[in-house]
């Protein structure tokens, strides 16, 4: 079974399926079907940065539990949707200056927070009706 080259930086379990997503030091995001013990799909975003953390956005009717927020070492957050056989990028924004080390989504999926390795915290609003609508609203 092919794995990330290097270490896993984070792993997030699906709240509705038998799968997990990994963020790798090699920049890859990989979806694993642990029920069938295989990699389902993978995506490299053609960047020199590491995928550092993942947050599974809570299920709603629009995202069907398939929306992920992925943080990278260059301060970029990428919103990714799990489609048929691929991970599809739907939005990317550079929100922090340093490596994103932690992200958390509110239970209703309307707010995403991200923290970098310098302790800076950034809040973004997510629109449950438009998966591409990610807007910053507070920086500390």
N, C-alpha and C. Protein backbone atom coordinates (compact mmCIF):
# COMPACT_ATOMS: atom_id res chain seq x y z
N UNK A 1 0.84 -1.17 0.00
CA UNK A 1 0.00 0.00 0.00
C UNK A 1 0.89 1.24 0.00
N UNK A 2 0.63 2.18 -0.90
CA UNK A 2 1.39 3.42 -0.99
C UNK A 2 0.99 4.34 0.15
N UNK A 3 1.98 4.98 0.75
CA UNK A 3 1.70 5.93 1.83
C UNK A 3 2.38 7.25 1.51
N UNK A 4 2.19 8.21 2.37
CA UNK A 4 2.86 9.49 2.18
C UNK A 4 4.37 9.28 2.27
N UNK A 5 5.12 10.05 1.47
CA UNK A 5 6.57 10.04 1.58
C UNK A 5 6.92 10.91 2.78
N UNK A 6 7.48 10.32 3.78
CA UNK A 6 7.73 11.07 5.01
C UNK A 6 6.62 10.84 6.00
N UNK A 7 6.53 11.75 6.94
CA UNK A 7 5.60 11.55 8.05
C UNK A 7 4.21 12.08 7.74
N UNK A 8 3.24 11.55 8.48
CA UNK A 8 1.90 12.12 8.50
C UNK A 8 1.94 13.28 9.50
N UNK A 9 1.39 14.41 9.11
CA UNK A 9 1.30 15.53 10.04
C UNK A 9 -0.03 15.57 10.78
N UNK A 10 -1.08 15.01 10.16
CA UNK A 10 -2.39 15.00 10.79
C UNK A 10 -3.24 13.93 10.13
N UNK A 11 -4.28 13.53 10.84
CA UNK A 11 -5.25 12.57 10.33
C UNK A 11 -6.63 12.99 10.84
N UNK A 12 -7.64 12.85 9.98
CA UNK A 12 -9.01 13.19 10.37
C UNK A 12 -9.93 12.07 9.91
N UNK A 13 -10.75 11.58 10.83
CA UNK A 13 -11.68 10.50 10.52
C UNK A 13 -13.01 11.07 10.04
N UNK A 14 -13.58 10.42 9.05
CA UNK A 14 -14.89 10.82 8.54
C UNK A 14 -15.94 10.57 9.61
N UNK A 15 -16.85 11.52 9.79
CA UNK A 15 -17.92 11.30 10.76
C UNK A 15 -19.04 10.40 10.22
N UNK A 16 -19.02 10.08 8.92
CA UNK A 16 -20.12 9.32 8.34
C UNK A 16 -19.70 8.08 7.55
N UNK A 17 -18.42 7.95 7.20
CA UNK A 17 -17.95 6.82 6.39
C UNK A 17 -16.77 6.13 7.04
N UNK A 18 -16.39 4.98 6.51
CA UNK A 18 -15.22 4.24 6.99
C UNK A 18 -13.97 4.72 6.27
N UNK A 19 -13.61 5.98 6.50
CA UNK A 19 -12.42 6.52 5.84
C UNK A 19 -11.76 7.57 6.72
N UNK A 20 -10.49 7.80 6.44
CA UNK A 20 -9.72 8.86 7.08
C UNK A 20 -8.97 9.62 6.00
N UNK A 21 -8.60 10.84 6.32
CA UNK A 21 -7.78 11.67 5.44
C UNK A 21 -6.50 11.99 6.18
N UNK A 22 -5.36 11.92 5.46
CA UNK A 22 -4.08 12.24 6.07
C UNK A 22 -3.48 13.46 5.38
N UNK A 23 -2.74 14.24 6.16
CA UNK A 23 -1.96 15.37 5.67
C UNK A 23 -0.50 14.99 5.81
N UNK A 24 0.25 15.04 4.71
CA UNK A 24 1.62 14.56 4.73
C UNK A 24 2.67 15.64 4.61
N UNK A 25 3.84 15.35 5.14
CA UNK A 25 4.98 16.25 5.00
C UNK A 25 5.38 16.40 3.54
N UNK A 26 4.95 15.47 2.69
CA UNK A 26 5.24 15.54 1.26
C UNK A 26 4.26 16.44 0.50
N UNK A 27 3.31 17.07 1.21
CA UNK A 27 2.34 17.96 0.58
C UNK A 27 1.09 17.25 0.09
N UNK A 28 1.06 15.94 0.18
CA UNK A 28 -0.09 15.18 -0.28
C UNK A 28 -1.19 15.13 0.76
N UNK A 29 -2.42 15.14 0.28
CA UNK A 29 -3.60 14.85 1.08
C UNK A 29 -4.15 13.54 0.52
N UNK A 30 -4.34 12.55 1.38
CA UNK A 30 -4.76 11.23 0.92
C UNK A 30 -6.01 10.77 1.67
N UNK A 31 -6.92 10.16 0.92
CA UNK A 31 -8.13 9.59 1.48
C UNK A 31 -7.96 8.08 1.53
N UNK A 32 -8.15 7.52 2.72
CA UNK A 32 -7.95 6.09 2.95
C UNK A 32 -9.28 5.42 3.30
N UNK A 33 -9.57 4.33 2.65
CA UNK A 33 -10.72 3.48 2.98
C UNK A 33 -10.19 2.40 3.91
N UNK A 34 -10.36 2.60 5.22
CA UNK A 34 -9.77 1.63 6.15
C UNK A 34 -10.60 0.36 6.24
N UNK A 35 -11.84 0.39 5.80
CA UNK A 35 -12.64 -0.84 5.77
C UNK A 35 -12.09 -1.84 4.76
N UNK A 36 -11.63 -1.31 3.61
CA UNK A 36 -11.06 -2.17 2.55
C UNK A 36 -9.54 -2.13 2.54
N UNK A 37 -8.94 -1.42 3.50
CA UNK A 37 -7.48 -1.36 3.65
C UNK A 37 -6.78 -0.91 2.38
N UNK A 38 -7.26 0.24 1.83
CA UNK A 38 -6.62 0.77 0.62
C UNK A 38 -6.75 2.29 0.56
N UNK A 39 -5.85 2.88 -0.24
CA UNK A 39 -5.95 4.30 -0.51
C UNK A 39 -7.02 4.50 -1.57
N UNK A 40 -7.92 5.42 -1.33
CA UNK A 40 -9.00 5.68 -2.28
C UNK A 40 -8.58 6.71 -3.31
N UNK A 41 -7.99 7.82 -2.87
CA UNK A 41 -7.49 8.84 -3.79
C UNK A 41 -6.48 9.72 -3.07
N UNK A 42 -5.74 10.52 -3.84
CA UNK A 42 -4.72 11.40 -3.28
C UNK A 42 -4.62 12.66 -4.14
N UNK A 43 -4.13 13.72 -3.52
CA UNK A 43 -3.95 14.97 -4.25
C UNK A 43 -2.73 15.69 -3.72
N UNK A 44 -1.88 16.12 -4.65
CA UNK A 44 -0.76 16.99 -4.33
C UNK A 44 -1.09 18.34 -4.95
N UNK A 45 -0.95 19.40 -4.19
CA UNK A 45 -1.36 20.72 -4.66
C UNK A 45 -0.24 21.47 -5.35
N UNK A 46 0.78 20.77 -5.81
CA UNK A 46 1.89 21.35 -6.58
C UNK A 46 2.52 22.53 -5.85
N UNK A 47 2.78 22.32 -4.59
CA UNK A 47 3.37 23.35 -3.76
C UNK A 47 4.55 22.77 -3.01
N UNK A 48 5.44 23.62 -2.60
CA UNK A 48 6.60 23.17 -1.83
C UNK A 48 6.26 23.00 -0.35
N UNK A 49 5.06 23.37 0.05
CA UNK A 49 4.71 23.36 1.46
C UNK A 49 4.12 22.02 1.90
N UNK A 50 4.23 21.78 3.20
CA UNK A 50 3.67 20.57 3.81
C UNK A 50 2.19 20.76 4.08
N UNK A 51 1.43 19.69 3.95
CA UNK A 51 0.06 19.67 4.47
C UNK A 51 0.21 19.41 5.96
N UNK A 52 -0.26 20.34 6.78
CA UNK A 52 0.04 20.27 8.21
C UNK A 52 -1.12 19.85 9.09
N UNK A 53 -2.34 20.18 8.70
CA UNK A 53 -3.49 19.82 9.53
C UNK A 53 -4.77 19.75 8.69
N UNK A 54 -5.73 18.99 9.20
CA UNK A 54 -6.99 18.76 8.49
C UNK A 54 -8.14 18.93 9.47
N UNK A 55 -9.21 19.53 9.00
CA UNK A 55 -10.44 19.60 9.78
C UNK A 55 -11.59 19.18 8.86
N UNK A 56 -12.36 18.19 9.29
CA UNK A 56 -13.52 17.73 8.54
C UNK A 56 -14.67 18.68 8.89
N UNK A 57 -15.19 19.41 7.90
CA UNK A 57 -16.28 20.35 8.15
C UNK A 57 -17.54 19.54 8.44
N UNK A 58 -18.27 19.89 9.51
CA UNK A 58 -19.46 19.12 9.88
C UNK A 58 -20.47 18.96 8.73
N UNK A 59 -21.13 17.84 8.74
CA UNK A 59 -22.11 17.48 7.71
C UNK A 59 -23.26 18.50 7.66
N UNK A 60 -23.63 18.86 6.43
CA UNK A 60 -24.89 19.55 6.19
C UNK A 60 -25.42 19.07 4.83
N UNK A 61 -26.62 19.48 4.46
CA UNK A 61 -27.21 18.99 3.21
C UNK A 61 -26.39 19.37 1.99
N UNK A 62 -25.77 20.54 2.01
CA UNK A 62 -25.01 21.00 0.84
C UNK A 62 -23.67 20.27 0.69
N UNK A 63 -22.94 20.07 1.78
CA UNK A 63 -21.62 19.44 1.64
C UNK A 63 -21.65 17.93 1.78
N UNK A 64 -22.75 17.37 2.22
CA UNK A 64 -22.93 15.92 2.36
C UNK A 64 -21.80 15.24 3.14
N UNK A 65 -21.15 15.98 4.02
CA UNK A 65 -20.06 15.41 4.82
C UNK A 65 -18.79 15.18 4.02
N UNK A 66 -18.64 15.87 2.88
CA UNK A 66 -17.49 15.66 2.00
C UNK A 66 -16.53 16.84 1.96
N UNK A 67 -16.70 17.83 2.82
CA UNK A 67 -15.88 19.04 2.77
C UNK A 67 -14.79 19.00 3.84
N UNK A 68 -13.56 19.29 3.41
CA UNK A 68 -12.40 19.31 4.29
C UNK A 68 -11.73 20.68 4.22
N UNK A 69 -11.19 21.12 5.33
CA UNK A 69 -10.29 22.27 5.36
C UNK A 69 -8.90 21.71 5.63
N UNK A 70 -7.94 22.07 4.78
CA UNK A 70 -6.58 21.56 4.92
C UNK A 70 -5.64 22.75 5.10
N UNK A 71 -4.85 22.74 6.17
CA UNK A 71 -3.88 23.79 6.43
C UNK A 71 -2.50 23.38 5.95
N UNK A 72 -1.72 24.37 5.53
CA UNK A 72 -0.39 24.12 4.97
C UNK A 72 0.67 24.96 5.68
N UNK A 73 1.91 24.56 5.51
CA UNK A 73 3.02 25.23 6.19
C UNK A 73 3.29 26.64 5.65
N UNK A 74 2.72 27.00 4.51
CA UNK A 74 2.89 28.35 3.97
C UNK A 74 1.76 29.30 4.38
N UNK A 75 0.87 28.88 5.29
CA UNK A 75 -0.21 29.72 5.79
C UNK A 75 -1.48 29.68 4.96
N UNK A 76 -1.54 28.80 4.00
CA UNK A 76 -2.71 28.69 3.13
C UNK A 76 -3.67 27.63 3.67
N UNK A 77 -4.97 27.96 3.62
CA UNK A 77 -6.02 26.99 3.89
C UNK A 77 -6.68 26.67 2.56
N UNK A 78 -6.82 25.38 2.29
CA UNK A 78 -7.50 24.92 1.08
C UNK A 78 -8.77 24.18 1.47
N UNK A 79 -9.89 24.57 0.85
CA UNK A 79 -11.13 23.82 1.02
C UNK A 79 -11.18 22.79 -0.10
N UNK A 80 -11.39 21.55 0.29
CA UNK A 80 -11.34 20.42 -0.63
C UNK A 80 -12.61 19.60 -0.48
N UNK A 81 -13.19 19.21 -1.60
CA UNK A 81 -14.38 18.35 -1.60
C UNK A 81 -13.98 16.97 -2.09
N UNK A 82 -14.49 15.95 -1.41
CA UNK A 82 -14.28 14.58 -1.86
C UNK A 82 -15.35 14.27 -2.91
N UNK A 83 -14.91 14.08 -4.15
CA UNK A 83 -15.81 13.73 -5.24
C UNK A 83 -15.65 12.26 -5.58
N UNK A 84 -16.20 11.84 -6.69
CA UNK A 84 -16.20 10.43 -7.09
C UNK A 84 -14.89 9.73 -6.77
N UNK A 85 -13.82 10.06 -7.48
CA UNK A 85 -12.53 9.39 -7.29
C UNK A 85 -11.41 10.40 -7.11
N UNK A 86 -11.73 11.58 -6.60
CA UNK A 86 -10.68 12.59 -6.46
C UNK A 86 -10.99 13.57 -5.35
N UNK A 87 -9.97 14.30 -4.98
CA UNK A 87 -10.09 15.41 -4.04
C UNK A 87 -10.05 16.69 -4.87
N UNK A 88 -11.14 17.44 -4.86
CA UNK A 88 -11.27 18.62 -5.72
C UNK A 88 -11.09 19.89 -4.91
N UNK A 89 -10.15 20.73 -5.33
CA UNK A 89 -9.93 22.02 -4.70
C UNK A 89 -11.05 22.97 -5.09
N UNK A 90 -11.69 23.59 -4.08
CA UNK A 90 -12.74 24.55 -4.41
C UNK A 90 -12.41 25.98 -3.97
N UNK A 91 -11.45 26.14 -3.05
CA UNK A 91 -11.07 27.47 -2.60
C UNK A 91 -9.74 27.39 -1.88
N UNK A 92 -8.90 28.40 -2.07
CA UNK A 92 -7.63 28.49 -1.35
C UNK A 92 -7.38 29.94 -0.99
N UNK A 93 -7.01 30.18 0.26
CA UNK A 93 -6.69 31.52 0.74
C UNK A 93 -5.49 31.47 1.68
N UNK A 94 -4.59 32.44 1.50
CA UNK A 94 -3.48 32.59 2.44
C UNK A 94 -3.99 33.44 3.59
N UNK A 95 -4.17 32.84 4.74
CA UNK A 95 -4.77 33.54 5.87
C UNK A 95 -3.77 33.86 6.98
N UNK A 96 -2.66 33.15 7.03
CA UNK A 96 -1.66 33.37 8.06
C UNK A 96 -0.28 33.44 7.42
N UNK A 97 0.68 34.03 8.14
CA UNK A 97 2.02 34.21 7.59
C UNK A 97 2.92 33.01 7.81
N UNK A 98 2.57 32.20 8.82
CA UNK A 98 3.42 31.06 9.17
C UNK A 98 2.65 29.76 9.04
N UNK A 99 3.30 28.69 9.44
CA UNK A 99 2.77 27.33 9.37
C UNK A 99 1.49 27.18 10.18
N UNK A 100 0.43 26.72 9.54
CA UNK A 100 -0.82 26.45 10.25
C UNK A 100 -0.65 25.14 11.01
N UNK A 101 -0.91 25.20 12.31
CA UNK A 101 -0.70 24.00 13.14
C UNK A 101 -1.99 23.41 13.67
N UNK A 102 -3.09 24.19 13.64
CA UNK A 102 -4.33 23.69 14.20
C UNK A 102 -5.51 24.40 13.55
N UNK A 103 -6.54 23.64 13.25
CA UNK A 103 -7.80 24.20 12.76
C UNK A 103 -8.95 23.50 13.46
N UNK A 104 -10.00 24.26 13.74
CA UNK A 104 -11.22 23.71 14.34
C UNK A 104 -12.41 24.40 13.70
N UNK A 105 -13.44 23.61 13.48
CA UNK A 105 -14.68 24.11 12.89
C UNK A 105 -15.77 24.07 13.96
N UNK A 106 -16.64 25.08 13.94
CA UNK A 106 -17.75 25.10 14.89
C UNK A 106 -18.70 23.94 14.57
N UNK A 107 -19.47 23.48 15.55
CA UNK A 107 -20.38 22.35 15.32
C UNK A 107 -21.39 22.57 14.19
N UNK A 108 -21.77 23.82 13.95
CA UNK A 108 -22.71 24.09 12.86
C UNK A 108 -22.01 24.28 11.52
N UNK A 109 -20.68 24.26 11.50
CA UNK A 109 -19.91 24.40 10.25
C UNK A 109 -19.85 25.81 9.71
N UNK A 110 -20.28 26.80 10.48
CA UNK A 110 -20.32 28.18 10.00
C UNK A 110 -19.03 28.96 10.26
N UNK A 111 -18.20 28.48 11.19
CA UNK A 111 -16.97 29.19 11.54
C UNK A 111 -15.80 28.22 11.57
N UNK A 112 -14.70 28.63 10.94
CA UNK A 112 -13.46 27.87 10.95
C UNK A 112 -12.40 28.74 11.59
N UNK A 113 -11.68 28.20 12.55
CA UNK A 113 -10.57 28.93 13.16
C UNK A 113 -9.27 28.22 12.80
N UNK A 114 -8.21 29.02 12.65
CA UNK A 114 -6.89 28.46 12.31
C UNK A 114 -5.85 29.18 13.15
N UNK A 115 -4.85 28.42 13.61
CA UNK A 115 -3.77 28.99 14.41
C UNK A 115 -2.44 28.60 13.79
N UNK A 116 -1.50 29.56 13.76
CA UNK A 116 -0.18 29.25 13.23
C UNK A 116 0.81 28.97 14.36
N UNK A 117 2.03 28.58 13.98
CA UNK A 117 3.01 28.19 14.98
C UNK A 117 3.57 29.37 15.78
N UNK A 118 3.16 30.59 15.45
CA UNK A 118 3.53 31.75 16.24
C UNK A 118 2.45 32.17 17.21
N UNK A 119 1.31 31.45 17.20
CA UNK A 119 0.22 31.73 18.11
C UNK A 119 -0.84 32.67 17.55
N UNK A 120 -0.67 33.11 16.29
CA UNK A 120 -1.70 33.96 15.69
C UNK A 120 -2.93 33.12 15.38
N UNK A 121 -4.10 33.73 15.59
CA UNK A 121 -5.37 33.05 15.42
C UNK A 121 -6.20 33.80 14.38
N UNK A 122 -6.84 33.05 13.51
CA UNK A 122 -7.62 33.64 12.42
C UNK A 122 -8.97 32.95 12.36
N UNK A 123 -10.03 33.72 12.18
CA UNK A 123 -11.38 33.18 12.08
C UNK A 123 -11.93 33.44 10.68
N UNK A 124 -12.62 32.43 10.14
CA UNK A 124 -13.25 32.55 8.83
C UNK A 124 -14.69 32.10 8.92
N UNK A 125 -15.55 32.74 8.15
CA UNK A 125 -16.94 32.28 8.08
C UNK A 125 -17.09 31.38 6.87
N UNK A 126 -17.84 30.31 7.04
CA UNK A 126 -18.15 29.39 5.95
C UNK A 126 -19.65 29.45 5.71
N UNK A 127 -20.03 29.51 4.45
CA UNK A 127 -21.44 29.58 4.09
C UNK A 127 -21.93 28.18 3.77
N UNK A 128 -22.86 27.62 4.55
CA UNK A 128 -23.32 26.25 4.28
C UNK A 128 -24.06 26.10 2.95
N UNK A 129 -24.48 27.20 2.34
CA UNK A 129 -25.18 27.14 1.06
C UNK A 129 -24.25 27.27 -0.13
N UNK A 130 -23.03 27.79 0.08
CA UNK A 130 -22.06 27.98 -0.99
C UNK A 130 -20.70 27.52 -0.49
N UNK A 131 -20.27 26.35 -0.92
CA UNK A 131 -19.04 25.75 -0.41
C UNK A 131 -17.80 26.58 -0.71
N UNK A 132 -17.84 27.45 -1.72
CA UNK A 132 -16.68 28.28 -2.06
C UNK A 132 -16.63 29.58 -1.27
N UNK A 133 -17.64 29.84 -0.49
CA UNK A 133 -17.74 31.10 0.25
C UNK A 133 -17.05 30.96 1.60
N UNK A 134 -15.78 31.37 1.65
CA UNK A 134 -14.98 31.36 2.87
C UNK A 134 -14.46 32.78 3.03
N UNK A 135 -14.89 33.47 4.10
CA UNK A 135 -14.52 34.87 4.28
C UNK A 135 -13.87 35.08 5.65
N UNK A 136 -12.76 35.82 5.66
CA UNK A 136 -12.14 36.17 6.95
C UNK A 136 -13.00 37.18 7.68
N UNK A 137 -13.07 37.05 9.03
CA UNK A 137 -13.79 38.08 9.75
C UNK A 137 -13.12 38.54 11.03
N UNK A 138 -12.03 37.94 11.43
CA UNK A 138 -11.36 38.41 12.63
C UNK A 138 -9.93 37.88 12.67
N UNK A 139 -9.01 38.72 13.12
CA UNK A 139 -7.62 38.33 13.25
C UNK A 139 -7.11 38.84 14.58
N UNK A 140 -6.43 37.97 15.35
CA UNK A 140 -5.84 38.38 16.62
C UNK A 140 -4.36 38.11 16.60
